[in-house]
Protein backbone atom coordinates (compact mmCIF):
# COMPACT_ATOMS: atom_id res chain seq x y z
CA GLN A 1 -1.53 -12.26 21.11
CA GLU A 2 -3.86 -10.38 18.78
CA SER A 3 -3.84 -6.64 18.17
CA GLU A 4 -6.30 -4.38 16.42
CA ARG A 5 -5.34 -2.36 13.34
CA LYS A 6 -7.16 -0.10 10.94
CA ASP A 7 -7.18 -0.60 7.17
CA PRO A 8 -6.67 2.37 4.77
CA ILE A 9 -10.35 3.34 4.99
CA GLY A 10 -10.64 2.96 8.77
CA ASN A 11 -12.10 -0.56 9.19
CA SER A 12 -10.84 -2.61 12.15
CA VAL A 13 -8.68 -5.63 11.29
CA ILE A 14 -7.32 -8.21 13.71
CA ALA A 15 -3.61 -9.07 13.40
CA THR A 16 -2.23 -12.35 14.74
CA PRO A 17 1.43 -13.35 15.30
CA ILE A 18 3.14 -15.56 12.71
CA ALA A 19 3.93 -19.06 13.97
CA GLU A 20 7.59 -19.60 14.78
CA SER A 21 8.55 -21.46 11.62
CA LYS A 22 11.63 -21.55 9.45
CA LYS A 23 9.68 -23.06 6.53
CA PRO A 24 9.41 -20.74 3.52
CA CYS A 25 5.97 -19.92 2.20
CA ILE A 26 4.23 -17.63 -0.27
CA LEU A 27 1.77 -15.04 0.99
CA HIS A 28 -0.80 -13.52 -1.36
CA PHE A 29 -2.32 -10.39 0.16
CA ASP A 30 -5.37 -9.94 -2.06
CA SER A 31 -7.22 -6.72 -1.21
CA GLY A 32 -9.51 -7.19 -4.23
CA ARG A 33 -10.65 -10.73 -3.46
CA LYS A 34 -14.31 -9.95 -4.18
CA PHE A 35 -13.44 -8.84 -7.73
CA ARG A 36 -11.79 -12.23 -8.46
CA LEU A 37 -9.01 -10.64 -10.49
CA HIS A 38 -6.29 -12.93 -9.14
CA TRP A 39 -6.46 -16.67 -8.47
CA SER A 40 -4.13 -17.55 -5.58
CA PRO A 41 -3.31 -21.17 -6.63
CA THR A 42 -2.21 -19.94 -10.07
CA ILE A 43 -0.05 -17.21 -8.53
CA PHE A 44 1.54 -19.72 -6.14
CA ASN A 45 2.35 -22.11 -9.00
CA HIS A 46 3.91 -19.36 -11.13
CA ILE A 47 6.10 -18.22 -8.23
CA ARG A 48 7.19 -21.80 -7.45
CA LYS A 49 8.08 -22.42 -11.12
CA TYR A 50 10.03 -19.15 -11.27
CA LEU A 51 12.00 -19.94 -8.11
CA SER A 52 12.73 -23.50 -9.32
CA ALA A 53 13.99 -22.10 -12.65
CA CYS A 54 16.23 -19.58 -10.86
CA LEU A 55 17.81 -22.37 -8.83
CA ALA A 56 18.17 -24.61 -11.90
CA PHE A 57 20.04 -21.79 -13.63
CA ARG A 58 22.49 -21.85 -10.71
CA ARG A 59 22.74 -25.65 -11.07
CA ILE A 60 20.79 -26.26 -7.87
CA HIS A 61 18.07 -28.76 -8.66
CA THR A 62 15.17 -28.16 -6.30
CA GLU A 63 11.55 -28.33 -7.35
CA PHE A 64 9.25 -26.20 -5.27
CA ASN A 65 5.76 -27.55 -4.68
CA SER A 66 2.87 -27.01 -2.28
CA GLN A 67 4.52 -29.34 0.26
CA ASN A 68 7.90 -27.64 0.57
CA MET A 69 6.65 -24.11 -0.17
CA PRO A 70 2.98 -23.75 0.76
CA GLY A 71 0.92 -20.76 -0.28
CA PHE A 72 -1.47 -18.80 1.90
CA SER A 73 -3.91 -15.99 1.19
CA PRO A 74 -4.69 -14.40 4.56
CA LEU A 75 -7.73 -12.22 4.98
CA VAL A 76 -6.75 -8.59 4.52
CA PRO A 77 -8.68 -5.31 4.34
CA GLN A 78 -10.76 -5.22 1.16
CA GLN A 79 -10.82 -2.29 -1.21
CA PRO A 80 -14.21 -0.95 -2.30
CA ASN A 81 -13.22 -0.65 -5.98
CA GLU A 82 -10.79 -1.99 -8.59
CA THR A 83 -8.49 1.05 -8.53
CA ASP A 84 -7.14 1.37 -4.97
CA CYS A 85 -4.90 -1.73 -4.98
CA GLY A 86 -1.69 0.34 -4.87
CA LEU A 87 -2.85 2.16 -1.73
CA TYR A 88 -3.76 -1.12 -0.06
CA MET A 89 -0.45 -2.71 -1.09
CA LEU A 90 1.53 0.19 0.42
CA GLU A 91 -0.53 0.02 3.62
CA MET A 92 0.13 -3.73 3.96
CA ILE A 93 3.86 -3.33 3.30
CA GLU A 94 4.06 -0.55 5.88
CA GLY A 95 2.25 -2.73 8.43
CA ILE A 96 4.53 -5.72 7.77
CA LEU A 97 7.66 -3.57 8.10
CA GLN A 98 6.42 -2.01 11.34
CA GLU A 99 5.34 -5.32 12.87
CA LYS A 100 7.50 -7.98 11.23
CA ASN A 101 6.16 -10.83 13.39
CA ALA A 102 2.49 -10.38 12.51
CA ILE A 103 0.28 -10.99 9.52
CA LEU A 104 -3.43 -10.53 9.18
CA SER A 105 -5.63 -13.38 10.31
CA ASP A 106 -6.48 -16.21 7.87
CA HIS A 107 -10.00 -16.91 9.20
């Protein structure tokens, strides 16, 4: 079931429920997508390498890759400038904490 939300500047955004899955994944909420400041595949690879290194330190040998830990960059409200990312991040965190079973649509 979809519900309507407002982003920090009042635009409507559709939220959809997360699929019932126990599989871990990485979510990149990029509110500055149009500025191309962050490249999602690079971020996903850095996070996978970091998590693999943390487990290796604990003598657990697991290599994370795009198959066992996929990355997604759902569509989120977009900021109009390069300076409001903190506001958008706080708004997204608040929304996730209030509605833990929903993320913003990826289409």
